[in-house]
C-alpha atoms as a PDB file:
ATOM      1  CA  MET A   1      62.555  66.957  73.072  1.00  0.00           C
ATOM      2  CA  HIS A   2      63.617  66.739  69.440  1.00  0.00           C
ATOM      3  CA  THR A   3      61.472  64.986  66.844  1.00  0.00           C
ATOM      4  CA  GLY A   4      61.822  63.904  63.240  1.00  0.00           C
ATOM      5  CA  SER A   5      60.684  61.296  60.749  1.00  0.00           C
ATOM      6  CA  ALA A   6      62.033  59.293  57.842  1.00  0.00           C
ATOM      7  CA  LEU A   7      60.580  57.028  55.170  1.00  0.00           C
ATOM      8  CA  LEU A   8      61.837  53.448  54.968  1.00  0.00           C
ATOM      9  CA  THR A   9      63.076  53.019  51.418  1.00  0.00           C
ATOM     10  CA  ASN A  10      65.307  49.954  51.695  1.00  0.00           C
ATOM     11  CA  ASP A  11      63.843  46.700  50.345  1.00  0.00           C
ATOM     12  CA  VAL A  12      63.822  44.744  53.621  1.00  0.00           C
ATOM     13  CA  GLY A  13      62.492  47.540  55.828  1.00  0.00           C
ATOM     14  CA  LEU A  14      63.493  47.426  59.471  1.00  0.00           C
ATOM     15  CA  HIS A  15      64.602  43.816  59.816  1.00  0.00           C
ATOM     16  CA  ALA A  16      67.805  42.083  60.950  1.00  0.00           C
ATOM     17  CA  ARG A  17      70.714  44.102  59.556  1.00  0.00           C
ATOM     18  CA  PRO A  18      68.983  47.516  59.569  1.00  0.00           C
ATOM     19  CA  SER A  19      67.805  46.885  63.147  1.00  0.00           C
ATOM     20  CA  VAL A  20      71.363  46.207  64.270  1.00  0.00           C
ATOM     21  CA  LYS A  21      72.628  49.351  62.528  1.00  0.00           C
ATOM     22  CA  LEU A  22      69.893  51.447  64.135  1.00  0.00           C
ATOM     23  CA  THR A  23      70.557  50.186  67.661  1.00  0.00           C
ATOM     24  CA  GLN A  24      74.343  50.461  67.294  1.00  0.00           C
ATOM     25  CA  LEU A  25      74.023  54.065  66.166  1.00  0.00           C
ATOM     26  CA  ALA A  26      71.512  54.923  68.909  1.00  0.00           C
ATOM     27  CA  LYS A  27      73.837  53.493  71.569  1.00  0.00           C
ATOM     28  CA  ARG A  28      76.572  55.947  70.551  1.00  0.00           C
ATOM     29  CA  PHE A  29      74.539  58.767  72.067  1.00  0.00           C
ATOM     30  CA  GLY A  30      73.605  59.546  75.632  1.00  0.00           C
ATOM     31  CA  ALA A  31      70.160  60.759  74.594  1.00  0.00           C
ATOM     32  CA  HIS A  32      67.051  58.676  75.164  1.00  0.00           C
ATOM     33  CA  ILE A  33      65.844  57.784  71.639  1.00  0.00           C
ATOM     34  CA  GLU A  34      62.522  56.247  70.693  1.00  0.00           C
ATOM     35  CA  PHE A  35      60.614  55.614  67.482  1.00  0.00           C
ATOM     36  CA  ALA A  36      57.088  54.704  66.400  1.00  0.00           C
ATOM     37  CA  ARG A  37      54.839  54.285  63.377  1.00  0.00           C
ATOM     38  CA  ALA A  38      52.675  57.210  64.492  1.00  0.00           C
ATOM     39  CA  THR A  39      53.498  60.430  66.289  1.00  0.00           C
ATOM     40  CA  THR A  40      51.164  59.286  69.063  1.00  0.00           C
ATOM     41  CA  GLY A  41      53.070  56.032  69.647  1.00  0.00           C
ATOM     42  CA  PRO A  42      53.380  53.423  70.921  1.00  0.00           C
ATOM     43  CA  TRP A  43      57.077  54.262  71.251  1.00  0.00           C
ATOM     44  CA  VAL A  44      59.952  51.771  71.070  1.00  0.00           C
ATOM     45  CA  ASP A  45      63.386  52.187  72.681  1.00  0.00           C
ATOM     46  CA  ALA A  46      65.840  52.549  69.775  1.00  0.00           C
ATOM     47  CA  LYS A  47      68.677  51.171  71.936  1.00  0.00           C
ATOM     48  CA  SER A  48      66.961  47.817  72.561  1.00  0.00           C
ATOM     49  CA  PRO A  49      67.899  45.263  69.871  1.00  0.00           C
ATOM     50  CA  VAL A  50      65.044  42.947  70.852  1.00  0.00           C
ATOM     51  CA  LYS A  51      62.398  45.688  70.738  1.00  0.00           C
ATOM     52  CA  VAL A  52      63.707  47.078  67.447  1.00  0.00           C
ATOM     53  CA  MET A  53      63.729  43.602  65.842  1.00  0.00           C
ATOM     54  CA  ARG A  54      60.128  43.008  66.986  1.00  0.00           C
ATOM     55  CA  PHE A  55      59.001  46.258  65.372  1.00  0.00           C
ATOM     56  CA  LYS A  56      59.212  44.806  61.830  1.00  0.00           C
ATOM     57  CA  ALA A  57      58.465  47.933  59.823  1.00  0.00           C
ATOM     58  CA  THR A  58      58.282  47.450  56.073  1.00  0.00           C
ATOM     59  CA  LYS A  59      59.414  49.436  53.065  1.00  0.00           C
ATOM     60  CA  GLY A  60      57.215  52.479  52.534  1.00  0.00           C
ATOM     61  CA  GLU A  61      56.404  53.042  56.214  1.00  0.00           C
ATOM     62  CA  THR A  62      57.360  56.281  57.918  1.00  0.00           C
ATOM     63  CA  LEU A  63      59.237  56.041  61.190  1.00  0.00           C
ATOM     64  CA  HIS A  64      58.769  58.855  63.686  1.00  0.00           C
ATOM     65  CA  PHE A  65      61.616  59.549  66.087  1.00  0.00           C
ATOM     66  CA  ARG A  66      61.942  61.493  69.303  1.00  0.00           C
ATOM     67  CA  ALA A  67      65.028  62.083  71.404  1.00  0.00           C
ATOM     68  CA  ARG A  68      65.757  63.877  74.640  1.00  0.00           C
ATOM     69  CA  GLY A  69      69.021  64.601  76.374  1.00  0.00           C
ATOM     70  CA  SER A  70      72.114  66.728  75.930  1.00  0.00           C
ATOM     71  CA  ASP A  71      73.001  65.256  72.508  1.00  0.00           C
ATOM     72  CA  ALA A  72      69.422  64.654  71.326  1.00  0.00           C
ATOM     73  CA  ALA A  73      69.611  66.928  68.269  1.00  0.00           C
ATOM     74  CA  GLU A  74      72.797  65.263  67.043  1.00  0.00           C
ATOM     75  CA  ALA A  75      71.405  61.776  67.731  1.00  0.00           C
ATOM     76  CA  LEU A  76      68.176  62.494  65.914  1.00  0.00           C
ATOM     77  CA  ALA A  77      69.978  63.922  62.873  1.00  0.00           C
ATOM     78  CA  ALA A  78      72.260  60.868  62.661  1.00  0.00           C
ATOM     79  CA  ILE A  79      69.431  58.353  62.961  1.00  0.00           C
ATOM     80  CA  VAL A  80      67.138  60.089  60.479  1.00  0.00           C
ATOM     81  CA  SER A  81      70.060  60.287  58.054  1.00  0.00           C
ATOM     82  CA  LEU A  82      70.768  56.550  58.467  1.00  0.00           C
ATOM     83  CA  VAL A  83      67.159  55.668  57.637  1.00  0.00           C
ATOM     84  CA  GLU A  84      67.043  58.104  54.704  1.00  0.00           C
ATOM     85  CA  ARG A  85      70.197  56.497  53.263  1.00  0.00           C
ATOM     86  CA  GLY A  86      68.544  53.083  53.373  1.00  0.00           C
ATOM     87  CA  PHE A  87      70.793  52.058  56.295  1.00  0.00           C
ATOM     88  CA  ALA A  88      73.942  52.350  54.202  1.00  0.00           C
ATOM     89  CA  THR A  89      76.700  53.502  56.530  1.00  0.00           C
ATOM     90  CA  GLU A  90      79.286  54.482  53.947  1.00  0.00           C
ATOM     91  CA  PRO A  91      79.664  54.032  50.215  1.00  0.00           C
ATOM     92  CA  GLU A  92      81.677  50.952  49.412  1.00  0.00           C
ATOM     93  CA  ARG A  93      85.194  51.666  48.313  1.00  0.00           C
ATOM     94  CA  THR A  94      86.826  49.688  45.594  1.00  0.00           C
ATOM     95  CA  SER A  95      90.236  48.492  46.573  1.00  0.00           C
ATOM     96  CA  GLN A  96      93.005  48.994  44.105  1.00  0.00           C
ATOM     97  CA  LEU A  97      95.720  46.409  43.993  1.00  0.00           C
ATOM     98  CA  PRO A  98      99.242  47.577  43.289  1.00  0.00           C
ATOM     99  CA  GLN A  99     100.327  46.749  39.806  1.00  0.00           C
ATOM    100  CA  GLY A 100     103.591  45.010  39.384  1.00  0.00           C
END
């Protein structure tokens, strides 16, 4: 079992778009991944869009994660990183138009 935590710093907390990003990332791993407001639970399945949306955590709350399985360490690191980055997946790139 691997555990970790991250502070919600994005303005909307864990609502629509961040919930989708969290579940999509969790589903990329074979590990069983759960999260909660407290280390004692209750725990929510991070791969369930409905359960994640119902969680409704707000900015400033700490999310506690736990993962078990062959890729649990990698899954946990990726999810904690996503939350710490405010659910930003990649920096936006500015497109440059050819001049001519």
